[in-house]
PDB file of all heavy atoms in Angstrom:
ATOM      1  N   ARG A   1       0.802  -1.235   0.000  1.00  0.00           N
ATOM      2  CA  ARG A   1       0.000   0.000   0.000  1.00  0.00           C
ATOM      3  C   ARG A   1       0.832   1.282   0.000  1.00  0.00           C
ATOM      4  O   ARG A   1       0.459   2.279  -0.601  1.00  0.00           O
ATOM      5  CB  ARG A   1      -0.931  -0.025   1.219  1.00  0.00           C
ATOM      6  CG  ARG A   1      -1.652   1.270   1.557  1.00  0.00           C
ATOM      7  CD  ARG A   1      -2.659   1.668   0.495  1.00  0.00           C
ATOM      8  NE  ARG A   1      -3.329   2.897   0.841  1.00  0.00           N
ATOM      9  CZ  ARG A   1      -2.869   4.121   0.559  1.00  0.00           C
ATOM     10  NH1 ARG A   1      -1.726   4.283  -0.050  1.00  0.00           N
ATOM     11  NH2 ARG A   1      -3.571   5.184   0.889  1.00  0.00           N
ATOM     12  N   PHE A   2       1.966   1.273   0.703  1.00  0.00           N
ATOM     13  CA  PHE A   2       2.746   2.498   0.886  1.00  0.00           C
ATOM     14  C   PHE A   2       4.111   2.392   0.204  1.00  0.00           C
ATOM     15  O   PHE A   2       4.650   1.295   0.062  1.00  0.00           O
ATOM     16  CB  PHE A   2       2.928   2.790   2.381  1.00  0.00           C
ATOM     17  CG  PHE A   2       1.633   3.002   3.101  1.00  0.00           C
ATOM     18  CD1 PHE A   2       1.132   2.034   3.961  1.00  0.00           C
ATOM     19  CD2 PHE A   2       0.889   4.160   2.922  1.00  0.00           C
ATOM     20  CE1 PHE A   2      -0.071   2.212   4.632  1.00  0.00           C
ATOM     21  CE2 PHE A   2      -0.311   4.359   3.584  1.00  0.00           C
ATOM     22  CZ  PHE A   2      -0.792   3.378   4.437  1.00  0.00           C
ATOM     23  N   PRO A   3       4.706   3.523  -0.166  1.00  0.00           N
ATOM     24  CA  PRO A   3       5.993   3.508  -0.860  1.00  0.00           C
ATOM     25  C   PRO A   3       7.184   3.359   0.097  1.00  0.00           C
ATOM     26  O   PRO A   3       8.169   4.074  -0.007  1.00  0.00           O
ATOM     27  CB  PRO A   3       6.008   4.869  -1.562  1.00  0.00           C
ATOM     28  CG  PRO A   3       5.239   5.761  -0.646  1.00  0.00           C
ATOM     29  CD  PRO A   3       4.150   4.885  -0.078  1.00  0.00           C
ATOM     30  N   ALA A   4       7.083   2.433   1.013  1.00  0.00           N
ATOM     31  CA  ALA A   4       8.147   2.212   1.997  1.00  0.00           C
ATOM     32  C   ALA A   4       9.235   1.322   1.403  1.00  0.00           C
ATOM     33  O   ALA A   4       8.952   0.418   0.614  1.00  0.00           O
ATOM     34  CB  ALA A   4       7.566   1.565   3.247  1.00  0.00           C
ATOM     35  N   GLN A   5      10.465   1.571   1.832  1.00  0.00           N
ATOM     36  CA  GLN A   5      11.585   0.711   1.439  1.00  0.00           C
ATOM     37  C   GLN A   5      11.693  -0.478   2.390  1.00  0.00           C
ATOM     38  O   GLN A   5      12.173  -1.536   2.017  1.00  0.00           O
ATOM     39  CB  GLN A   5      12.895   1.501   1.445  1.00  0.00           C
ATOM     40  CG  GLN A   5      12.939   2.588   0.385  1.00  0.00           C
ATOM     41  CD  GLN A   5      12.650   2.024  -0.992  1.00  0.00           C
ATOM     42  OE1 GLN A   5      13.274   1.060  -1.434  1.00  0.00           O
ATOM     43  NE2 GLN A   5      11.687   2.610  -1.691  1.00  0.00           N
ATOM     44  N   ARG A   6      11.215  -0.254   3.627  1.00  0.00           N
ATOM     45  CA  ARG A   6      11.260  -1.299   4.651  1.00  0.00           C
ATOM     46  C   ARG A   6      10.068  -1.115   5.571  1.00  0.00           C
ATOM     47  O   ARG A   6       9.693   0.006   5.886  1.00  0.00           O
ATOM     48  CB  ARG A   6      12.553  -1.177   5.468  1.00  0.00           C
ATOM     49  CG  ARG A   6      12.690  -2.203   6.590  1.00  0.00           C
ATOM     50  CD  ARG A   6      13.933  -1.943   7.444  1.00  0.00           C
ATOM     51  NE  ARG A   6      13.870  -0.688   8.161  1.00  0.00           N
ATOM     52  CZ  ARG A   6      13.268  -0.520   9.352  1.00  0.00           C
ATOM     53  NH1 ARG A   6      12.651  -1.526   9.938  1.00  0.00           N
ATOM     54  NH2 ARG A   6      13.273   0.656   9.946  1.00  0.00           N
ATOM     55  N   VAL A   7       9.477  -2.229   5.987  1.00  0.00           N
ATOM     56  CA  VAL A   7       8.440  -2.186   7.013  1.00  0.00           C
ATOM     57  C   VAL A   7       8.792  -3.206   8.083  1.00  0.00           C
ATOM     58  O   VAL A   7       9.379  -4.255   7.787  1.00  0.00           O
ATOM     59  CB  VAL A   7       7.012  -2.440   6.470  1.00  0.00           C
ATOM     60  CG1 VAL A   7       6.599  -1.385   5.468  1.00  0.00           C
ATOM     61  CG2 VAL A   7       6.882  -3.819   5.884  1.00  0.00           C
ATOM     62  N   ARG A   8       8.447  -2.857   9.297  1.00  0.00           N
ATOM     63  CA  ARG A   8       8.672  -3.749  10.439  1.00  0.00           C
ATOM     64  C   ARG A   8       7.389  -3.727  11.267  1.00  0.00           C
ATOM     65  O   ARG A   8       6.886  -2.654  11.607  1.00  0.00           O
ATOM     66  CB  ARG A   8       9.841  -3.251  11.275  1.00  0.00           C
ATOM     67  CG  ARG A   8      10.217  -4.150  12.422  1.00  0.00           C
ATOM     68  CD  ARG A   8      11.488  -3.590  13.103  1.00  0.00           C
ATOM     69  NE  ARG A   8      11.938  -4.474  14.137  1.00  0.00           N
ATOM     70  CZ  ARG A   8      11.566  -4.394  15.415  1.00  0.00           C
ATOM     71  NH1 ARG A   8      10.721  -3.450  15.803  1.00  0.00           N
ATOM     72  NH2 ARG A   8      12.025  -5.231  16.299  1.00  0.00           N
ATOM     73  N   VAL A   9       6.868  -4.914  11.568  1.00  0.00           N
ATOM     74  CA  VAL A   9       5.622  -5.027  12.321  1.00  0.00           C
ATOM     75  C   VAL A   9       5.849  -5.967  13.497  1.00  0.00           C
ATOM     76  O   VAL A   9       6.300  -7.102  13.319  1.00  0.00           O
ATOM     77  CB  VAL A   9       4.472  -5.570  11.444  1.00  0.00           C
ATOM     78  CG1 VAL A   9       3.204  -5.749  12.263  1.00  0.00           C
ATOM     79  CG2 VAL A   9       4.227  -4.653  10.251  1.00  0.00           C
ATOM     80  N   ARG A  10       5.530  -5.470  14.674  1.00  0.00           N
ATOM     81  CA  ARG A  10       5.571  -6.282  15.890  1.00  0.00           C
ATOM     82  C   ARG A  10       4.140  -6.382  16.412  1.00  0.00           C
ATOM     83  O   ARG A  10       3.457  -5.365  16.540  1.00  0.00           O
ATOM     84  CB  ARG A  10       6.457  -5.620  16.929  1.00  0.00           C
ATOM     85  CG  ARG A  10       6.563  -6.409  18.222  1.00  0.00           C
ATOM     86  CD  ARG A  10       7.509  -5.697  19.171  1.00  0.00           C
ATOM     87  NE  ARG A  10       7.744  -6.526  20.339  1.00  0.00           N
ATOM     88  CZ  ARG A  10       7.865  -6.042  21.563  1.00  0.00           C
ATOM     89  NH1 ARG A  10       7.799  -4.740  21.778  1.00  0.00           N
ATOM     90  NH2 ARG A  10       8.083  -6.843  22.567  1.00  0.00           N
ATOM     91  N   VAL A  11       3.693  -7.599  16.686  1.00  0.00           N
ATOM     92  CA  VAL A  11       2.363  -7.825  17.245  1.00  0.00           C
ATOM     93  C   VAL A  11       2.544  -8.432  18.630  1.00  0.00           C
ATOM     94  O   VAL A  11       3.236  -9.441  18.792  1.00  0.00           O
ATOM     95  CB  VAL A  11       1.525  -8.793  16.376  1.00  0.00           C
ATOM     96  CG1 VAL A  11       0.130  -8.960  16.960  1.00  0.00           C
ATOM     97  CG2 VAL A  11       1.460  -8.319  14.948  1.00  0.00           C
ATOM     98  N   ARG A  12       1.895  -7.791  19.614  1.00  0.00           N
ATOM     99  CA  ARG A  12       1.933  -8.290  20.990  1.00  0.00           C
ATOM    100  C   ARG A  12       0.547  -8.770  21.399  1.00  0.00           C
ATOM    101  O   ARG A  12      -0.449  -8.159  21.033  1.00  0.00           O
ATOM    102  CB  ARG A  12       2.390  -7.182  21.945  1.00  0.00           C
ATOM    103  CG  ARG A  12       3.849  -6.823  21.760  1.00  0.00           C
ATOM    104  CD  ARG A  12       4.254  -5.682  22.646  1.00  0.00           C
ATOM    105  NE  ARG A  12       3.849  -4.424  21.994  1.00  0.00           N
ATOM    106  CZ  ARG A  12       3.641  -3.295  22.642  1.00  0.00           C
ATOM    107  NH1 ARG A  12       3.756  -3.224  23.950  1.00  0.00           N
ATOM    108  NH2 ARG A  12       3.297  -2.212  21.975  1.00  0.00           N
ATOM    109  N   LYS A  13       0.539  -9.840  22.168  1.00  0.00           N
ATOM    110  CA  LYS A  13      -0.706 -10.389  22.689  1.00  0.00           C
ATOM    111  C   LYS A  13      -0.627 -10.328  24.214  1.00  0.00           C
ATOM    112  O   LYS A  13       0.046 -11.151  24.843  1.00  0.00           O
ATOM    113  CB  LYS A  13      -0.887 -11.830  22.209  1.00  0.00           C
ATOM    114  CG  LYS A  13      -2.191 -12.460  22.603  1.00  0.00           C
ATOM    115  CD  LYS A  13      -2.287 -13.841  21.969  1.00  0.00           C
ATOM    116  CE  LYS A  13      -3.601 -14.490  22.298  1.00  0.00           C
ATOM    117  NZ  LYS A  13      -3.722 -15.787  21.621  1.00  0.00           N
ATOM    118  N   PRO A  14      -1.290  -9.333  24.826  1.00  0.00           N
ATOM    119  CA  PRO A  14      -1.154  -9.156  26.268  1.00  0.00           C
ATOM    120  C   PRO A  14      -1.938 -10.145  27.126  1.00  0.00           C
ATOM    121  O   PRO A  14      -1.573 -10.377  28.271  1.00  0.00           O
ATOM    122  CB  PRO A  14      -1.647  -7.728  26.512  1.00  0.00           C
ATOM    123  CG  PRO A  14      -2.446  -7.365  25.321  1.00  0.00           C
ATOM    124  CD  PRO A  14      -1.979  -8.227  24.189  1.00  0.00           C
ATOM    125  N   ARG A  15      -2.973 -10.739  26.609  1.00  0.00           N
ATOM    126  CA  ARG A  15      -3.807 -11.646  27.419  1.00  0.00           C
ATOM    127  C   ARG A  15      -3.546 -13.112  27.095  1.00  0.00           C
ATOM    128  O   ARG A  15      -4.477 -13.900  26.947  1.00  0.00           O
ATOM    129  CB  ARG A  15      -5.283 -11.323  27.225  1.00  0.00           C
ATOM    130  CG  ARG A  15      -5.674  -9.991  27.792  1.00  0.00           C
ATOM    131  CD  ARG A  15      -7.169  -9.832  27.785  1.00  0.00           C
ATOM    132  NE  ARG A  15      -7.534  -8.456  28.083  1.00  0.00           N
ATOM    133  CZ  ARG A  15      -8.691  -7.922  27.779  1.00  0.00           C
ATOM    134  NH1 ARG A  15      -9.612  -8.639  27.164  1.00  0.00           N
ATOM    135  NH2 ARG A  15      -8.944  -6.665  28.078  1.00  0.00           N
ATOM    136  N   VAL A  16      -2.294 -13.455  27.000  1.00  0.00           N
ATOM    137  CA  VAL A  16      -1.935 -14.838  26.678  1.00  0.00           C
ATOM    138  C   VAL A  16      -1.909 -15.672  27.959  1.00  0.00           C
ATOM    139  O   VAL A  16      -1.550 -15.186  29.027  1.00  0.00           O
ATOM    140  CB  VAL A  16      -0.576 -14.886  25.939  1.00  0.00           C
ATOM    141  CG1 VAL A  16       0.552 -14.426  26.830  1.00  0.00           C
ATOM    142  CG2 VAL A  16      -0.298 -16.253  25.385  1.00  0.00           C
ATOM    143  N   ARG A  17      -2.327 -16.924  27.841  1.00  0.00           N
ATOM    144  CA  ARG A  17      -2.345 -17.838  28.987  1.00  0.00           C
ATOM    145  C   ARG A  17      -1.254 -18.895  28.792  1.00  0.00           C
ATOM    146  O   ARG A  17      -1.360 -19.745  27.906  1.00  0.00           O
ATOM    147  CB  ARG A  17      -3.700 -18.513  29.103  1.00  0.00           C
ATOM    148  CG  ARG A  17      -4.806 -17.553  29.435  1.00  0.00           C
ATOM    149  CD  ARG A  17      -6.106 -18.276  29.582  1.00  0.00           C
ATOM    150  NE  ARG A  17      -7.193 -17.302  29.709  1.00  0.00           N
ATOM    151  CZ  ARG A  17      -8.457 -17.609  29.589  1.00  0.00           C
ATOM    152  NH1 ARG A  17      -8.809 -18.848  29.336  1.00  0.00           N
ATOM    153  NH2 ARG A  17      -9.374 -16.681  29.715  1.00  0.00           N
ATOM    154  N   LEU A  18      -0.242 -18.825  29.642  1.00  0.00           N
ATOM    155  CA  LEU A  18       0.865 -19.782  29.546  1.00  0.00           C
ATOM    156  C   LEU A  18       1.002 -20.651  30.796  1.00  0.00           C
ATOM    157  O   LEU A  18       1.900 -21.463  30.880  1.00  0.00           O
ATOM    158  CB  LEU A  18       2.187 -19.030  29.313  1.00  0.00           C
ATOM    159  CG  LEU A  18       2.287 -18.220  28.039  1.00  0.00           C
ATOM    160  CD1 LEU A  18       3.641 -17.528  27.953  1.00  0.00           C
ATOM    161  CD2 LEU A  18       2.061 -19.080  26.809  1.00  0.00           C
ATOM    162  N   GLY A  19       0.151 -20.422  31.784  1.00  0.00           N
ATOM    163  CA  GLY A  19       0.259 -21.162  33.024  1.00  0.00           C
ATOM    164  C   GLY A  19       1.219 -20.526  34.014  1.00  0.00           C
ATOM    165  O   GLY A  19       1.348 -20.974  35.137  1.00  0.00           O
ATOM    166  N   LEU A  20       1.906 -19.490  33.579  1.00  0.00           N
ATOM    167  CA  LEU A  20       2.812 -18.699  34.410  1.00  0.00           C
ATOM    168  C   LEU A  20       2.574 -17.230  34.087  1.00  0.00           C
ATOM    169  O   LEU A  20       2.133 -16.903  32.970  1.00  0.00           O
ATOM    170  CB  LEU A  20       4.276 -19.057  34.115  1.00  0.00           C
ATOM    171  CG  LEU A  20       4.717 -20.464  34.514  1.00  0.00           C
ATOM    172  CD1 LEU A  20       6.079 -20.770  33.921  1.00  0.00           C
ATOM    173  CD2 LEU A  20       4.753 -20.599  36.027  1.00  0.00           C
ATOM    174  N   PRO A  21       2.894 -16.340  35.012  1.00  0.00           N
ATOM    175  CA  PRO A  21       2.714 -14.910  34.722  1.00  0.00           C
ATOM    176  C   PRO A  21       3.588 -14.466  33.540  1.00  0.00           C
ATOM    177  O   PRO A  21       4.752 -14.851  33.441  1.00  0.00           O
ATOM    178  CB  PRO A  21       3.164 -14.218  36.011  1.00  0.00           C
ATOM    179  CG  PRO A  21       3.111 -15.265  37.060  1.00  0.00           C
ATOM    180  CD  PRO A  21       3.363 -16.573  36.371  1.00  0.00           C
ATOM    181  N   VAL A  22       2.989 -13.685  32.668  1.00  0.00           N
ATOM    182  CA  VAL A  22       3.718 -13.160  31.512  1.00  0.00           C
ATOM    183  C   VAL A  22       3.069 -11.841  31.106  1.00  0.00           C
ATOM    184  O   VAL A  22       1.851 -11.692  31.166  1.00  0.00           O
ATOM    185  CB  VAL A  22       3.721 -14.171  30.333  1.00  0.00           C
ATOM    186  CG1 VAL A  22       2.325 -14.441  29.823  1.00  0.00           C
ATOM    187  CG2 VAL A  22       4.630 -13.715  29.211  1.00  0.00           C
ATOM    188  N   GLU A  23       3.876 -10.882  30.725  1.00  0.00           N
ATOM    189  CA  GLU A  23       3.347  -9.578  30.297  1.00  0.00           C
ATOM    190  C   GLU A  23       2.661  -9.675  28.941  1.00  0.00           C
ATOM    191  O   GLU A  23       1.575  -9.163  28.744  1.00  0.00           O
ATOM    192  CB  GLU A  23       4.485  -8.562  30.224  1.00  0.00           C
ATOM    193  CG  GLU A  23       4.025  -7.165  29.855  1.00  0.00           C
ATOM    194  CD  GLU A  23       5.169  -6.178  29.843  1.00  0.00           C
ATOM    195  OE1 GLU A  23       5.775  -5.967  30.902  1.00  0.00           O
ATOM    196  OE2 GLU A  23       5.451  -5.641  28.758  1.00  0.00           O
ATOM    197  N   HIS A  24       3.325 -10.330  28.002  1.00  0.00           N
ATOM    198  CA  HIS A  24       2.762 -10.530  26.667  1.00  0.00           C
ATOM    199  C   HIS A  24       3.653 -11.488  25.891  1.00  0.00           C
ATOM    200  O   HIS A  24       4.781 -11.752  26.284  1.00  0.00           O
ATOM    201  CB  HIS A  24       2.624  -9.200  25.899  1.00  0.00           C
ATOM    202  CG  HIS A  24       3.934  -8.525  25.613  1.00  0.00           C
ATOM    203  ND1 HIS A  24       4.418  -7.502  26.372  1.00  0.00           N
ATOM    204  CD2 HIS A  24       4.860  -8.727  24.640  1.00  0.00           C
ATOM    205  CE1 HIS A  24       5.574  -7.101  25.897  1.00  0.00           C
ATOM    206  NE2 HIS A  24       5.861  -7.833  24.840  1.00  0.00           N
ATOM    207  N   THR A  25       3.129 -11.980  24.791  1.00  0.00           N
ATOM    208  CA  THR A  25       3.948 -12.670  23.803  1.00  0.00           C
ATOM    209  C   THR A  25       3.979 -11.772  22.581  1.00  0.00           C
ATOM    210  O   THR A  25       3.131 -10.890  22.419  1.00  0.00           O
ATOM    211  CB  THR A  25       3.381 -14.052  23.436  1.00  0.00           C
ATOM    212  OG1 THR A  25       2.038 -13.906  22.991  1.00  0.00           O
ATOM    213  CG2 THR A  25       3.429 -15.002  24.634  1.00  0.00           C
ATOM    214  N   ALA A  26       4.961 -11.987  21.700  1.00  0.00           N
ATOM    215  CA  ALA A  26       5.084 -11.100  20.538  1.00  0.00           C
ATOM    216  C   ALA A  26       5.781 -11.828  19.388  1.00  0.00           C
ATOM    217  O   ALA A  26       6.507 -12.807  19.591  1.00  0.00           O
ATOM    218  CB  ALA A  26       5.885  -9.853  20.918  1.00  0.00           C
ATOM    219  N   ALA A  27       5.525 -11.319  18.200  1.00  0.00           N
ATOM    220  CA  ALA A  27       6.236 -11.757  17.002  1.00  0.00           C
ATOM    221  C   ALA A  27       6.521 -10.521  16.158  1.00  0.00           C
ATOM    222  O   ALA A  27       5.695  -9.607  16.104  1.00  0.00           O
ATOM    223  CB  ALA A  27       5.409 -12.768  16.215  1.00  0.00           C
TER     224      ALA A  27
END
């Protein structure tokens, strides 16, 4: 969509259930 030379996208999931306390997961 945009005339970018580079794009970087980080997605965080704050309500993830891992069985232990965690702030978020991300990719």
